[in-house]
Amino acid sequence: MINIGESLKEHRENAKLTQTELAKRTGIKQQNISRWEKNTHIPNVMDCITLASFYQISIDYLVGYENEDGSKNSVQITGSFNNNSGSINFKA
């Protein structure tokens, strides 16, 4: 199972950036980065494109769907997004 927030945080930490530094370098609000990493919200497609481009990786790898070697993970995304409790489940 992938965790989008954990994956986003891992990429940021691997780049040795704080949330504030990442926000300044990408133009994404620090509050949004924090919410994504806490899994209380999920990023929209445009923000994923921005982050993937910044890190020079694929969106699939950014969110944890793809491994470093290009192989795919089965996906089960659960969480509470936008204050609505629920889950999204699908298998690739």
PDB file of N, CA and C in Angstrom:
ATOM      1  N   MET A   1       0.840  -1.174   0.000  1.00  0.00           N
ATOM      2  CA  MET A   1       0.000   0.000   0.000  1.00  0.00           C
ATOM      3  C   MET A   1       0.889   1.242   0.000  1.00  0.00           C
ATOM      4  N   ILE A   2       0.570   2.199  -0.842  1.00  0.00           N
ATOM      5  CA  ILE A   2       1.351   3.430  -0.864  1.00  0.00           C
ATOM      6  C   ILE A   2       0.692   4.482   0.007  1.00  0.00           C
ATOM      7  N   ASN A   3       1.500   5.385   0.457  1.00  0.00           N
ATOM      8  CA  ASN A   3       1.030   6.504   1.247  1.00  0.00           C
ATOM      9  C   ASN A   3       1.569   7.758   0.562  1.00  0.00           C
ATOM     10  N   ILE A   4       0.695   8.511  -0.081  1.00  0.00           N
ATOM     11  CA  ILE A   4       1.125   9.671  -0.854  1.00  0.00           C
ATOM     12  C   ILE A   4       1.874  10.660   0.031  1.00  0.00           C
ATOM     13  N   GLY A   5       1.353  10.943   1.205  1.00  0.00           N
ATOM     14  CA  GLY A   5       1.998  11.897   2.103  1.00  0.00           C
ATOM     15  C   GLY A   5       3.402  11.474   2.481  1.00  0.00           C
ATOM     16  N   GLU A   6       3.573  10.198   2.810  1.00  0.00           N
ATOM     17  CA  GLU A   6       4.898   9.692   3.165  1.00  0.00           C
ATOM     18  C   GLU A   6       5.845   9.785   1.976  1.00  0.00           C
ATOM     19  N   SER A   7       5.331   9.480   0.795  1.00  0.00           N
ATOM     20  CA  SER A   7       6.164   9.550  -0.400  1.00  0.00           C
ATOM     21  C   SER A   7       6.603  10.987  -0.680  1.00  0.00           C
ATOM     22  N   LEU A   8       5.684  11.933  -0.584  1.00  0.00           N
ATOM     23  CA  LEU A   8       6.028  13.341  -0.796  1.00  0.00           C
ATOM     24  C   LEU A   8       7.064  13.810   0.219  1.00  0.00           C
ATOM     25  N   LYS A   9       6.876  13.424   1.468  1.00  0.00           N
ATOM     26  CA  LYS A   9       7.820  13.812   2.517  1.00  0.00           C
ATOM     27  C   LYS A   9       9.189  13.192   2.271  1.00  0.00           C
ATOM     28  N   GLU A  10       9.208  11.942   1.852  1.00  0.00           N
ATOM     29  CA  GLU A  10      10.473  11.260   1.582  1.00  0.00           C
ATOM     30  C   GLU A  10      11.259  11.967   0.467  1.00  0.00           C
ATOM     31  N   HIS A  11      10.571  12.347  -0.604  1.00  0.00           N
ATOM     32  CA  HIS A  11      11.255  13.048  -1.693  1.00  0.00           C
ATOM     33  C   HIS A  11      11.794  14.399  -1.215  1.00  0.00           C
ATOM     34  N   ARG A  12      11.017  15.107  -0.420  1.00  0.00           N
ATOM     35  CA  ARG A  12      11.472  16.403   0.106  1.00  0.00           C
ATOM     36  C   ARG A  12      12.687  16.228   1.001  1.00  0.00           C
ATOM     37  N   GLU A  13      12.622  15.257   1.905  1.00  0.00           N
ATOM     38  CA  GLU A  13      13.738  15.021   2.816  1.00  0.00           C
ATOM     39  C   GLU A  13      14.978  14.532   2.074  1.00  0.00           C
ATOM     40  N   ASN A  14      14.795  13.707   1.044  1.00  0.00           N
ATOM     41  CA  ASN A  14      15.937  13.255   0.242  1.00  0.00           C
ATOM     42  C   ASN A  14      16.620  14.421  -0.470  1.00  0.00           C
ATOM     43  N   ALA A  15      15.836  15.459  -0.779  1.00  0.00           N
ATOM     44  CA  ALA A  15      16.389  16.665  -1.404  1.00  0.00           C
ATOM     45  C   ALA A  15      16.968  17.610  -0.346  1.00  0.00           C
ATOM     46  N   LYS A  16      16.881  17.194   0.922  1.00  0.00           N
ATOM     47  CA  LYS A  16      17.394  17.974   2.047  1.00  0.00           C
ATOM     48  C   LYS A  16      16.771  19.375   2.115  1.00  0.00           C
ATOM     49  N   LEU A  17      15.442  19.403   1.969  1.00  0.00           N
ATOM     50  CA  LEU A  17      14.697  20.654   2.005  1.00  0.00           C
ATOM     51  C   LEU A  17      13.682  20.641   3.136  1.00  0.00           C
ATOM     52  N   THR A  18      13.474  21.788   3.748  1.00  0.00           N
ATOM     53  CA  THR A  18      12.360  21.942   4.676  1.00  0.00           C
ATOM     54  C   THR A  18      11.116  22.218   3.840  1.00  0.00           C
ATOM     55  N   GLN A  19       9.961  22.147   4.478  1.00  0.00           N
ATOM     56  CA  GLN A  19       8.731  22.494   3.774  1.00  0.00           C
ATOM     57  C   GLN A  19       8.778  23.946   3.293  1.00  0.00           C
ATOM     58  N   THR A  20       9.317  24.818   4.104  1.00  0.00           N
ATOM     59  CA  THR A  20       9.414  26.236   3.739  1.00  0.00           C
ATOM     60  C   THR A  20      10.331  26.435   2.539  1.00  0.00           C
ATOM     61  N   GLU A  21      11.468  25.750   2.522  1.00  0.00           N
ATOM     62  CA  GLU A  21      12.394  25.864   1.394  1.00  0.00           C
ATOM     63  C   GLU A  21      11.758  25.340   0.110  1.00  0.00           C
ATOM     64  N   LEU A  22      11.060  24.197   0.211  1.00  0.00           N
ATOM     65  CA  LEU A  22      10.398  23.637  -0.962  1.00  0.00           C
ATOM     66  C   LEU A  22       9.325  24.595  -1.476  1.00  0.00           C
ATOM     67  N   ALA A  23       8.590  25.191  -0.567  1.00  0.00           N
ATOM     68  CA  ALA A  23       7.550  26.148  -0.953  1.00  0.00           C
ATOM     69  C   ALA A  23       8.152  27.329  -1.711  1.00  0.00           C
ATOM     70  N   LYS A  24       9.236  27.864  -1.213  1.00  0.00           N
ATOM     71  CA  LYS A  24       9.887  29.003  -1.871  1.00  0.00           C
ATOM     72  C   LYS A  24      10.401  28.632  -3.250  1.00  0.00           C
ATOM     73  N   ARG A  25      10.926  27.435  -3.399  1.00  0.00           N
ATOM     74  CA  ARG A  25      11.542  27.030  -4.664  1.00  0.00           C
ATOM     75  C   ARG A  25      10.529  26.601  -5.715  1.00  0.00           C
ATOM     76  N   THR A  26       9.317  26.202  -5.274  1.00  0.00           N
ATOM     77  CA  THR A  26       8.307  25.722  -6.230  1.00  0.00           C
ATOM     78  C   THR A  26       7.126  26.665  -6.396  1.00  0.00           C
ATOM     79  N   GLY A  27       6.952  27.596  -5.463  1.00  0.00           N
ATOM     80  CA  GLY A  27       5.785  28.474  -5.505  1.00  0.00           C
ATOM     81  C   GLY A  27       4.534  27.840  -4.927  1.00  0.00           C
ATOM     82  N   ILE A  28       4.673  26.665  -4.325  1.00  0.00           N
ATOM     83  CA  ILE A  28       3.550  25.979  -3.674  1.00  0.00           C
ATOM     84  C   ILE A  28       3.512  26.438  -2.219  1.00  0.00           C
ATOM     85  N   LYS A  29       2.336  26.704  -1.698  1.00  0.00           N
ATOM     86  CA  LYS A  29       2.216  27.168  -0.317  1.00  0.00           C
ATOM     87  C   LYS A  29       2.712  26.098   0.659  1.00  0.00           C
ATOM     88  N   GLN A  30       3.452  26.536   1.661  1.00  0.00           N
ATOM     89  CA  GLN A  30       3.978  25.623   2.676  1.00  0.00           C
ATOM     90  C   GLN A  30       2.843  24.895   3.395  1.00  0.00           C
ATOM     91  N   GLN A  31       1.731  25.587   3.612  1.00  0.00           N
ATOM     92  CA  GLN A  31       0.589  24.969   4.283  1.00  0.00           C
ATOM     93  C   GLN A  31       0.055  23.784   3.485  1.00  0.00           C
ATOM     94  N   ASN A  32       0.062  23.903   2.152  1.00  0.00           N
ATOM     95  CA  ASN A  32      -0.391  22.783   1.320  1.00  0.00           C
ATOM     96  C   ASN A  32       0.558  21.601   1.444  1.00  0.00           C
ATOM     97  N   ILE A  33       1.849  21.872   1.405  1.00  0.00           N
ATOM     98  CA  ILE A  33       2.837  20.795   1.542  1.00  0.00           C
ATOM     99  C   ILE A  33       2.632  20.074   2.865  1.00  0.00           C
ATOM    100  N   SER A  34       2.416  20.833   3.939  1.00  0.00           N
ATOM    101  CA  SER A  34       2.181  20.245   5.250  1.00  0.00           C
ATOM    102  C   SER A  34       0.933  19.370   5.245  1.00  0.00           C
ATOM    103  N   ARG A  35      -0.152  19.860   4.678  1.00  0.00           N
ATOM    104  CA  ARG A  35      -1.409  19.091   4.627  1.00  0.00           C
ATOM    105  C   ARG A  35      -1.237  17.794   3.849  1.00  0.00           C
ATOM    106  N   TRP A  36      -0.497  17.863   2.743  1.00  0.00           N
ATOM    107  CA  TRP A  36      -0.285  16.654   1.932  1.00  0.00           C
ATOM    108  C   TRP A  36       0.525  15.632   2.716  1.00  0.00           C
ATOM    109  N   GLU A  37       1.590  16.094   3.364  1.00  0.00           N
ATOM    110  CA  GLU A  37       2.452  15.175   4.105  1.00  0.00           C
ATOM    111  C   GLU A  37       1.734  14.556   5.304  1.00  0.00           C
ATOM    112  N   LYS A  38       0.749  15.251   5.835  1.00  0.00           N
ATOM    113  CA  LYS A  38      -0.058  14.726   6.946  1.00  0.00           C
ATOM    114  C   LYS A  38      -1.230  13.885   6.451  1.00  0.00           C
ATOM    115  N   ASN A  39      -1.417  13.810   5.133  1.00  0.00           N
ATOM    116  CA  ASN A  39      -2.517  13.061   4.521  1.00  0.00           C
ATOM    117  C   ASN A  39      -3.894  13.600   4.903  1.00  0.00           C
ATOM    118  N   THR A  40      -3.993  14.906   5.132  1.00  0.00           N
ATOM    119  CA  THR A  40      -5.313  15.490   5.366  1.00  0.00           C
ATOM    120  C   THR A  40      -5.891  16.042   4.069  1.00  0.00           C
ATOM    121  N   HIS A  41      -5.047  16.243   3.077  1.00  0.00           N
ATOM    122  CA  HIS A  41      -5.447  16.665   1.738  1.00  0.00           C
ATOM    123  C   HIS A  41      -4.538  15.957   0.738  1.00  0.00           C
ATOM    124  N   ILE A  42      -4.975  15.877  -0.502  1.00  0.00           N
ATOM    125  CA  ILE A  42      -4.114  15.328  -1.544  1.00  0.00           C
ATOM    126  C   ILE A  42      -3.823  16.432  -2.564  1.00  0.00           C
ATOM    127  N   PRO A  43      -2.627  16.402  -3.156  1.00  0.00           N
ATOM    128  CA  PRO A  43      -2.284  17.447  -4.125  1.00  0.00           C
ATOM    129  C   PRO A  43      -3.063  17.288  -5.417  1.00  0.00           C
ATOM    130  N   ASN A  44      -3.306  18.419  -6.082  1.00  0.00           N
ATOM    131  CA  ASN A  44      -3.952  18.336  -7.382  1.00  0.00           C
ATOM    132  C   ASN A  44      -2.911  17.984  -8.446  1.00  0.00           C
ATOM    133  N   VAL A  45      -3.372  17.700  -9.636  1.00  0.00           N
ATOM    134  CA  VAL A  45      -2.490  17.256 -10.709  1.00  0.00           C
ATOM    135  C   VAL A  45      -1.428  18.306 -11.035  1.00  0.00           C
ATOM    136  N   MET A  46      -1.810  19.579 -11.070  1.00  0.00           N
ATOM    137  CA  MET A  46      -0.853  20.625 -11.417  1.00  0.00           C
ATOM    138  C   MET A  46       0.269  20.722 -10.379  1.00  0.00           C
ATOM    139  N   ASP A  47      -0.068  20.561  -9.109  1.00  0.00           N
ATOM    140  CA  ASP A  47       0.967  20.576  -8.077  1.00  0.00           C
ATOM    141  C   ASP A  47       1.865  19.351  -8.187  1.00  0.00           C
ATOM    142  N   CYS A  48       1.302  18.205  -8.549  1.00  0.00           N
ATOM    143  CA  CYS A  48       2.117  17.002  -8.763  1.00  0.00           C
ATOM    144  C   CYS A  48       3.080  17.213  -9.931  1.00  0.00           C
ATOM    145  N   ILE A  49       2.596  17.836 -10.995  1.00  0.00           N
ATOM    146  CA  ILE A  49       3.460  18.130 -12.140  1.00  0.00           C
ATOM    147  C   ILE A  49       4.597  19.049 -11.706  1.00  0.00           C
ATOM    148  N   THR A  50       4.270  20.069 -10.922  1.00  0.00           N
ATOM    149  CA  THR A  50       5.282  21.003 -10.443  1.00  0.00           C
ATOM    150  C   THR A  50       6.344  20.288  -9.624  1.00  0.00           C
ATOM    151  N   LEU A  51       5.905  19.452  -8.680  1.00  0.00           N
ATOM    152  CA  LEU A  51       6.852  18.742  -7.818  1.00  0.00           C
ATOM    153  C   LEU A  51       7.679  17.720  -8.596  1.00  0.00           C
ATOM    154  N   ALA A  52       7.027  16.965  -9.464  1.00  0.00           N
ATOM    155  CA  ALA A  52       7.756  15.969 -10.255  1.00  0.00           C
ATOM    156  C   ALA A  52       8.801  16.644 -11.141  1.00  0.00           C
ATOM    157  N   SER A  53       8.424  17.746 -11.729  1.00  0.00           N
ATOM    158  CA  SER A  53       9.373  18.496 -12.561  1.00  0.00           C
ATOM    159  C   SER A  53      10.522  19.030 -11.716  1.00  0.00           C
ATOM    160  N   PHE A  54      10.205  19.554 -10.553  1.00  0.00           N
ATOM    161  CA  PHE A  54      11.242  20.074  -9.656  1.00  0.00           C
ATOM    162  C   PHE A  54      12.243  18.982  -9.280  1.00  0.00           C
ATOM    163  N   TYR A  55      11.730  17.809  -8.904  1.00  0.00           N
ATOM    164  CA  TYR A  55      12.598  16.700  -8.504  1.00  0.00           C
ATOM    165  C   TYR A  55      13.171  15.933  -9.704  1.00  0.00           C
ATOM    166  N   GLN A  56      12.676  16.217 -10.892  1.00  0.00           N
ATOM    167  CA  GLN A  56      13.067  15.541 -12.134  1.00  0.00           C
ATOM    168  C   GLN A  56      12.791  14.035 -12.061  1.00  0.00           C
ATOM    169  N   ILE A  57      11.539  13.734 -11.660  1.00  0.00           N
ATOM    170  CA  ILE A  57      11.069  12.356 -11.567  1.00  0.00           C
ATOM    171  C   ILE A  57       9.674  12.286 -12.170  1.00  0.00           C
ATOM    172  N   SER A  58       9.161  11.065 -12.345  1.00  0.00           N
ATOM    173  CA  SER A  58       7.797  10.910 -12.863  1.00  0.00           C
ATOM    174  C   SER A  58       6.780  11.173 -11.752  1.00  0.00           C
ATOM    175  N   ILE A  59       5.581  11.514 -12.138  1.00  0.00           N
ATOM    176  CA  ILE A  59       4.511  11.693 -11.153  1.00  0.00           C
ATOM    177  C   ILE A  59       4.237  10.379 -10.437  1.00  0.00           C
ATOM    178  N   ASP A  60       4.264   9.269 -11.172  1.00  0.00           N
ATOM    179  CA  ASP A  60       4.042   7.961 -10.550  1.00  0.00           C
ATOM    180  C   ASP A  60       5.053   7.707  -9.431  1.00  0.00           C
ATOM    181  N   TYR A  61       6.314   8.033  -9.673  1.00  0.00           N
ATOM    182  CA  TYR A  61       7.347   7.846  -8.650  1.00  0.00           C
ATOM    183  C   TYR A  61       7.148   8.846  -7.506  1.00  0.00           C
ATOM    184  N   LEU A  62       6.761  10.057  -7.827  1.00  0.00           N
ATOM    185  CA  LEU A  62       6.528  11.092  -6.813  1.00  0.00           C
ATOM    186  C   LEU A  62       5.521  10.632  -5.767  1.00  0.00           C
ATOM    187  N   VAL A  63       4.416  10.041  -6.212  1.00  0.00           N
ATOM    188  CA  VAL A  63       3.344   9.663  -5.285  1.00  0.00           C
ATOM    189  C   VAL A  63       3.462   8.234  -4.758  1.00  0.00           C
ATOM    190  N   GLY A  64       4.511   7.517  -5.167  1.00  0.00           N
ATOM    191  CA  GLY A  64       4.746   6.187  -4.633  1.00  0.00           C
ATOM    192  C   GLY A  64       4.122   5.050  -5.407  1.00  0.00           C
ATOM    193  N   TYR A  65       3.524   5.345  -6.556  1.00  0.00           N
ATOM    194  CA  TYR A  65       2.918   4.293  -7.377  1.00  0.00           C
ATOM    195  C   TYR A  65       3.972   3.514  -8.147  1.00  0.00           C
ATOM    196  N   GLU A  66       5.075   4.174  -8.452  1.00  0.00           N
ATOM    197  CA  GLU A  66       6.156   3.551  -9.209  1.00  0.00           C
ATOM    198  C   GLU A  66       7.391   3.474  -8.317  1.00  0.00           C
ATOM    199  N   ASN A  67       8.134   2.375  -8.438  1.00  0.00           N
ATOM    200  CA  ASN A  67       9.386   2.219  -7.717  1.00  0.00           C
ATOM    201  C   ASN A  67      10.522   2.860  -8.514  1.00  0.00           C
ATOM    202  N   GLU A  68      11.653   2.998  -7.879  1.00  0.00           N
ATOM    203  CA  GLU A  68      12.817   3.610  -8.522  1.00  0.00           C
ATOM    204  C   GLU A  68      13.218   2.876  -9.792  1.00  0.00           C
ATOM    205  N   ASP A  69      13.001   1.562  -9.813  1.00  0.00           N
ATOM    206  CA  ASP A  69      13.369   0.769 -10.996  1.00  0.00           C
ATOM    207  C   ASP A  69      12.298   0.785 -12.083  1.00  0.00           C
ATOM    208  N   GLY A  70      11.196   1.508 -11.848  1.00  0.00           N
ATOM    209  CA  GLY A  70      10.134   1.620 -12.842  1.00  0.00           C
ATOM    210  C   GLY A  70       9.011   0.622 -12.671  1.00  0.00           C
ATOM    211  N   SER A  71       9.167  -0.357 -11.785  1.00  0.00           N
ATOM    212  CA  SER A  71       8.087  -1.314 -11.550  1.00  0.00           C
ATOM    213  C   SER A  71       6.958  -0.616 -10.783  1.00  0.00           C
ATOM    214  N   LYS A  72       5.745  -1.128 -10.960  1.00  0.00           N
ATOM    215  CA  LYS A  72       4.555  -0.503 -10.370  1.00  0.00           C
ATOM    216  C   LYS A  72       4.157  -1.204  -9.086  1.00  0.00           C
ATOM    217  N   ASN A  73       3.594  -0.450  -8.172  1.00  0.00           N
ATOM    218  CA  ASN A  73       3.054  -0.970  -6.921  1.00  0.00           C
ATOM    219  C   ASN A  73       1.546  -1.120  -7.046  1.00  0.00           C
ATOM    220  N   SER A  74       0.988  -2.077  -6.324  1.00  0.00           N
ATOM    221  CA  SER A  74      -0.469  -2.114  -6.177  1.00  0.00           C
ATOM    222  C   SER A  74      -0.840  -0.926  -5.326  1.00  0.00           C
ATOM    223  N   VAL A  75      -1.989  -0.350  -5.589  1.00  0.00           N
ATOM    224  CA  VAL A  75      -2.355   0.897  -4.920  1.00  0.00           C
ATOM    225  C   VAL A  75      -3.597   0.716  -4.084  1.00  0.00           C
ATOM    226  N   GLN A  76      -3.510   1.159  -2.860  1.00  0.00           N
ATOM    227  CA  GLN A  76      -4.673   1.296  -1.999  1.00  0.00           C
ATOM    228  C   GLN A  76      -4.461   2.610  -1.266  1.00  0.00           C
ATOM    229  N   ILE A  77      -5.282   3.594  -1.600  1.00  0.00           N
ATOM    230  CA  ILE A  77      -5.152   4.914  -0.988  1.00  0.00           C
ATOM    231  C   ILE A  77      -6.298   5.079  -0.014  1.00  0.00           C
ATOM    232  N   THR A  78      -5.968   5.357   1.232  1.00  0.00           N
ATOM    233  CA  THR A  78      -7.001   5.606   2.224  1.00  0.00           C
ATOM    234  C   THR A  78      -6.653   6.875   2.972  1.00  0.00           C
ATOM    235  N   GLY A  79      -7.639   7.511   3.525  1.00  0.00           N
ATOM    236  CA  GLY A  79      -7.357   8.687   4.313  1.00  0.00           C
ATOM    237  C   GLY A  79      -8.583   9.558   4.468  1.00  0.00           C
ATOM    238  N   SER A  80      -8.377  10.662   5.100  1.00  0.00           N
ATOM    239  CA  SER A  80      -9.426  11.648   5.297  1.00  0.00           C
ATOM    240  C   SER A  80      -9.005  12.887   4.537  1.00  0.00           C
ATOM    241  N   PHE A  81      -9.706  13.183   3.466  1.00  0.00           N
ATOM    242  CA  PHE A  81      -9.322  14.276   2.601  1.00  0.00           C
ATOM    243  C   PHE A  81     -10.381  15.367   2.648  1.00  0.00           C
ATOM    244  N   ASN A  82      -9.931  16.616   2.762  1.00  0.00           N
ATOM    245  CA  ASN A  82     -10.827  17.774   2.794  1.00  0.00           C
ATOM    246  C   ASN A  82     -11.922  17.628   3.852  1.00  0.00           C
ATOM    247  N   ASN A  83     -11.549  17.082   4.988  1.00  0.00           N
ATOM    248  CA  ASN A  83     -12.456  16.908   6.123  1.00  0.00           C
ATOM    249  C   ASN A  83     -13.625  15.966   5.836  1.00  0.00           C
ATOM    250  N   ASN A  84     -13.541  15.188   4.779  1.00  0.00           N
ATOM    251  CA  ASN A  84     -14.556  14.170   4.492  1.00  0.00           C
ATOM    252  C   ASN A  84     -13.906  12.817   4.680  1.00  0.00           C
ATOM    253  N   SER A  85     -14.410  12.059   5.599  1.00  0.00           N
ATOM    254  CA  SER A  85     -13.843  10.748   5.833  1.00  0.00           C
ATOM    255  C   SER A  85     -14.236   9.813   4.701  1.00  0.00           C
ATOM    256  N   GLY A  86     -13.278   9.063   4.228  1.00  0.00           N
ATOM    257  CA  GLY A  86     -13.561   8.146   3.141  1.00  0.00           C
ATOM    258  C   GLY A  86     -12.303   7.498   2.652  1.00  0.00           C
ATOM    259  N   SER A  87     -12.439   6.645   1.671  1.00  0.00           N
ATOM    260  CA  SER A  87     -11.272   6.000   1.110  1.00  0.00           C
ATOM    261  C   SER A  87     -11.448   5.801  -0.381  1.00  0.00           C
ATOM    262  N   ILE A  88     -10.327   5.709  -1.027  1.00  0.00           N
ATOM    263  CA  ILE A  88     -10.300   5.419  -2.463  1.00  0.00           C
ATOM    264  C   ILE A  88      -9.460   4.171  -2.610  1.00  0.00           C
ATOM    265  N   ASN A  89     -10.019   3.137  -3.165  1.00  0.00           N
ATOM    266  CA  ASN A  89      -9.293   1.887  -3.342  1.00  0.00           C
ATOM    267  C   ASN A  89      -9.306   1.470  -4.794  1.00  0.00           C
ATOM    268  N   PHE A  90      -8.156   1.165  -5.331  1.00  0.00           N
ATOM    269  CA  PHE A  90      -8.084   0.617  -6.684  1.00  0.00           C
ATOM    270  C   PHE A  90      -6.786  -0.143  -6.823  1.00  0.00           C
ATOM    271  N   LYS A  91      -6.759  -1.027  -7.763  1.00  0.00           N
ATOM    272  CA  LYS A  91      -5.571  -1.826  -8.020  1.00  0.00           C
ATOM    273  C   LYS A  91      -5.098  -1.581  -9.416  1.00  0.00           C
ATOM    274  N   ALA A  92      -3.823  -1.395  -9.552  1.00  0.00           N
ATOM    275  CA  ALA A  92      -3.243  -1.139 -10.869  1.00  0.00           C
ATOM    276  C   ALA A  92      -2.960  -2.442 -11.585  1.00  0.00           C
TER     277      ALA A  92
END
